[in-house]
Amino acid sequence: MDCPKCGTWNPDDKIVCWRCQTPLPKPVEKKPRKPISFLGLPGWAWAALAAMLILWIAAQCLAPALVGGR
C-alpha cells in the first residue's frame, strides 16, 4: 500500500508510514467472487448440456439426409 502523503510503499500490515509516520488507511478486503450457478449446477455444466442438446438435435435432423432418406 502506498502512503497517501509521501507515496512510499508500505506493507499491508503497517498502520503508519515508515518514512513520514502518516497513518495509513486500512486495506480494503476483496470479496471472493461467487461462481455463476443455476439450479445447483455451475455455468460451465449448463453450457456443456446445451452444446450436447444442440449436437443431438443436429444429429437427429441431419442423419436421415446423410444416410439417403428424404
N, C-alpha and C. Protein backbone atom coordinates (compact mmCIF):
# COMPACT_ATOMS: atom_id res chain seq x y z
N MET A 1 0.85 -1.15 0.00
CA MET A 1 0.00 0.00 0.00
C MET A 1 0.91 1.23 0.00
N ASP A 2 0.57 2.20 -0.82
CA ASP A 2 1.34 3.43 -0.89
C ASP A 2 0.82 4.46 0.11
N CYS A 3 1.74 5.21 0.68
CA CYS A 3 1.38 6.26 1.63
C CYS A 3 0.65 7.39 0.88
N PRO A 4 -0.47 7.87 1.42
CA PRO A 4 -1.19 8.95 0.74
C PRO A 4 -0.44 10.29 0.78
N LYS A 5 0.50 10.43 1.71
CA LYS A 5 1.22 11.71 1.84
C LYS A 5 2.51 11.73 1.03
N CYS A 6 3.38 10.72 1.20
CA CYS A 6 4.69 10.74 0.55
C CYS A 6 4.81 9.75 -0.60
N GLY A 7 3.85 8.83 -0.75
CA GLY A 7 3.87 7.88 -1.85
C GLY A 7 4.78 6.68 -1.64
N THR A 8 5.33 6.52 -0.46
CA THR A 8 6.22 5.39 -0.17
C THR A 8 5.41 4.12 0.00
N TRP A 9 5.94 3.02 -0.55
CA TRP A 9 5.27 1.74 -0.39
C TRP A 9 5.44 1.24 1.03
N ASN A 10 4.37 0.71 1.60
CA ASN A 10 4.37 0.11 2.94
C ASN A 10 3.66 -1.23 2.88
N PRO A 11 4.11 -2.21 3.66
CA PRO A 11 3.39 -3.50 3.71
C PRO A 11 1.97 -3.29 4.22
N ASP A 12 1.08 -4.20 3.84
CA ASP A 12 -0.34 -4.07 4.21
C ASP A 12 -0.59 -4.16 5.70
N ASP A 13 0.33 -4.77 6.46
CA ASP A 13 0.10 -4.93 7.89
C ASP A 13 0.52 -3.70 8.71
N LYS A 14 1.12 -2.70 8.09
CA LYS A 14 1.56 -1.49 8.81
C LYS A 14 0.41 -0.51 8.97
N ILE A 15 0.41 0.22 10.10
CA ILE A 15 -0.65 1.20 10.33
C ILE A 15 -0.17 2.63 10.14
N VAL A 16 1.17 2.82 10.13
CA VAL A 16 1.74 4.15 9.85
C VAL A 16 2.85 3.99 8.81
N CYS A 17 3.10 5.04 8.04
CA CYS A 17 4.15 5.03 7.03
C CYS A 17 5.51 4.98 7.72
N TRP A 18 6.40 4.14 7.21
CA TRP A 18 7.72 4.01 7.83
C TRP A 18 8.57 5.24 7.58
N ARG A 19 8.27 6.02 6.55
CA ARG A 19 9.09 7.19 6.24
C ARG A 19 8.58 8.46 6.93
N CYS A 20 7.29 8.77 6.77
CA CYS A 20 6.77 10.06 7.28
C CYS A 20 5.85 9.90 8.49
N GLN A 21 5.60 8.69 8.93
CA GLN A 21 4.78 8.40 10.11
C GLN A 21 3.32 8.85 9.96
N THR A 22 2.83 8.98 8.74
CA THR A 22 1.43 9.31 8.49
C THR A 22 0.58 8.06 8.68
N PRO A 23 -0.55 8.17 9.37
CA PRO A 23 -1.43 6.99 9.50
C PRO A 23 -1.90 6.52 8.12
N LEU A 24 -1.84 5.23 7.91
CA LEU A 24 -2.24 4.65 6.63
C LEU A 24 -3.70 4.22 6.69
N PRO A 25 -4.42 4.33 5.57
CA PRO A 25 -5.80 3.81 5.55
C PRO A 25 -5.78 2.29 5.65
N LYS A 26 -6.84 1.75 6.20
CA LYS A 26 -6.93 0.30 6.32
C LYS A 26 -7.16 -0.31 4.94
N PRO A 27 -6.47 -1.41 4.64
CA PRO A 27 -6.66 -2.04 3.32
C PRO A 27 -8.07 -2.60 3.19
N VAL A 28 -8.63 -2.48 2.00
CA VAL A 28 -9.97 -2.99 1.73
C VAL A 28 -9.85 -4.46 1.36
N GLU A 29 -10.61 -5.30 2.05
CA GLU A 29 -10.57 -6.72 1.77
C GLU A 29 -11.43 -7.00 0.55
N LYS A 30 -10.88 -7.82 -0.36
CA LYS A 30 -11.62 -8.18 -1.57
C LYS A 30 -12.54 -9.35 -1.25
N LYS A 31 -13.78 -9.23 -1.70
CA LYS A 31 -14.73 -10.32 -1.50
C LYS A 31 -14.50 -11.38 -2.57
N PRO A 32 -14.52 -12.65 -2.18
CA PRO A 32 -14.35 -13.69 -3.19
C PRO A 32 -15.56 -13.71 -4.13
N ARG A 33 -15.29 -13.93 -5.42
CA ARG A 33 -16.37 -13.98 -6.39
C ARG A 33 -17.14 -15.28 -6.24
N LYS A 34 -18.45 -15.16 -6.27
CA LYS A 34 -19.30 -16.34 -6.20
C LYS A 34 -19.47 -16.89 -7.61
N PRO A 35 -19.21 -18.17 -7.82
CA PRO A 35 -19.36 -18.72 -9.16
C PRO A 35 -20.81 -18.67 -9.64
N ILE A 36 -20.98 -18.52 -10.94
CA ILE A 36 -22.31 -18.47 -11.52
C ILE A 36 -22.91 -19.87 -11.48
N SER A 37 -24.12 -19.96 -10.91
CA SER A 37 -24.79 -21.26 -10.88
C SER A 37 -26.29 -21.04 -11.05
N PHE A 38 -26.96 -22.06 -11.56
CA PHE A 38 -28.40 -22.03 -11.75
C PHE A 38 -28.92 -23.43 -11.43
N LEU A 39 -29.86 -23.51 -10.55
CA LEU A 39 -30.44 -24.78 -10.11
C LEU A 39 -29.38 -25.75 -9.60
N GLY A 40 -28.36 -25.21 -8.96
CA GLY A 40 -27.35 -26.04 -8.33
C GLY A 40 -26.22 -26.50 -9.23
N LEU A 41 -26.28 -26.18 -10.53
CA LEU A 41 -25.20 -26.57 -11.44
C LEU A 41 -24.40 -25.33 -11.84
N PRO A 42 -23.09 -25.48 -11.96
CA PRO A 42 -22.28 -24.33 -12.40
C PRO A 42 -22.56 -23.97 -13.85
N GLY A 43 -22.19 -22.75 -14.23
CA GLY A 43 -22.46 -22.26 -15.58
C GLY A 43 -21.83 -23.11 -16.67
N TRP A 44 -20.62 -23.63 -16.42
CA TRP A 44 -19.97 -24.44 -17.46
C TRP A 44 -20.73 -25.73 -17.71
N ALA A 45 -21.39 -26.27 -16.67
CA ALA A 45 -22.15 -27.51 -16.85
C ALA A 45 -23.39 -27.25 -17.71
N TRP A 46 -24.05 -26.10 -17.50
CA TRP A 46 -25.20 -25.75 -18.33
C TRP A 46 -24.77 -25.54 -19.78
N ALA A 47 -23.60 -24.92 -19.99
CA ALA A 47 -23.11 -24.72 -21.35
C ALA A 47 -22.81 -26.06 -22.02
N ALA A 48 -22.23 -27.00 -21.28
CA ALA A 48 -21.95 -28.32 -21.83
C ALA A 48 -23.25 -29.07 -22.17
N LEU A 49 -24.25 -28.98 -21.30
CA LEU A 49 -25.53 -29.62 -21.58
C LEU A 49 -26.21 -29.01 -22.80
N ALA A 50 -26.15 -27.70 -22.94
CA ALA A 50 -26.73 -27.04 -24.11
C ALA A 50 -26.02 -27.47 -25.38
N ALA A 51 -24.70 -27.57 -25.35
CA ALA A 51 -23.94 -28.00 -26.53
C ALA A 51 -24.31 -29.43 -26.90
N MET A 52 -24.44 -30.30 -25.91
CA MET A 52 -24.81 -31.69 -26.20
C MET A 52 -26.22 -31.77 -26.77
N LEU A 53 -27.14 -30.97 -26.27
CA LEU A 53 -28.51 -30.96 -26.79
C LEU A 53 -28.53 -30.48 -28.24
N ILE A 54 -27.77 -29.43 -28.55
CA ILE A 54 -27.71 -28.92 -29.92
C ILE A 54 -27.11 -29.97 -30.85
N LEU A 55 -26.05 -30.64 -30.42
CA LEU A 55 -25.46 -31.70 -31.25
C LEU A 55 -26.43 -32.87 -31.45
N TRP A 56 -27.18 -33.24 -30.43
CA TRP A 56 -28.14 -34.33 -30.55
C TRP A 56 -29.25 -33.96 -31.53
N ILE A 57 -29.77 -32.74 -31.43
CA ILE A 57 -30.83 -32.29 -32.35
C ILE A 57 -30.29 -32.23 -33.77
N ALA A 58 -29.07 -31.73 -33.95
CA ALA A 58 -28.48 -31.67 -35.28
C ALA A 58 -28.29 -33.07 -35.85
N ALA A 59 -27.89 -34.01 -35.02
CA ALA A 59 -27.70 -35.38 -35.50
C ALA A 59 -29.04 -36.00 -35.89
N GLN A 60 -30.10 -35.73 -35.16
CA GLN A 60 -31.41 -36.27 -35.48
C GLN A 60 -31.95 -35.68 -36.78
N CYS A 61 -31.66 -34.42 -37.04
CA CYS A 61 -32.17 -33.77 -38.25
C CYS A 61 -31.33 -34.07 -39.48
N LEU A 62 -30.03 -34.20 -39.30
CA LEU A 62 -29.13 -34.36 -40.45
C LEU A 62 -28.84 -35.82 -40.78
N ALA A 63 -29.01 -36.73 -39.85
CA ALA A 63 -28.66 -38.12 -40.09
C ALA A 63 -29.49 -38.75 -41.23
N PRO A 64 -30.80 -38.54 -41.31
CA PRO A 64 -31.54 -39.12 -42.44
C PRO A 64 -31.08 -38.59 -43.80
N ALA A 65 -30.70 -37.34 -43.85
CA ALA A 65 -30.22 -36.77 -45.12
C ALA A 65 -28.88 -37.35 -45.52
N LEU A 66 -28.06 -37.66 -44.55
CA LEU A 66 -26.75 -38.24 -44.86
C LEU A 66 -26.85 -39.71 -45.24
N VAL A 67 -27.84 -40.41 -44.69
CA VAL A 67 -27.99 -41.84 -44.96
C VAL A 67 -28.68 -42.07 -46.30
N GLY A 68 -29.44 -41.12 -46.76
CA GLY A 68 -30.11 -41.26 -48.05
C GLY A 68 -31.62 -41.20 -47.93
N GLY A 69 -32.09 -40.77 -46.79
CA GLY A 69 -33.54 -40.62 -46.63
C GLY A 69 -34.00 -39.31 -47.26
N ARG A 70 -35.19 -38.92 -46.94
CA ARG A 70 -35.74 -37.70 -47.53
C ARG A 70 -35.07 -36.48 -47.04
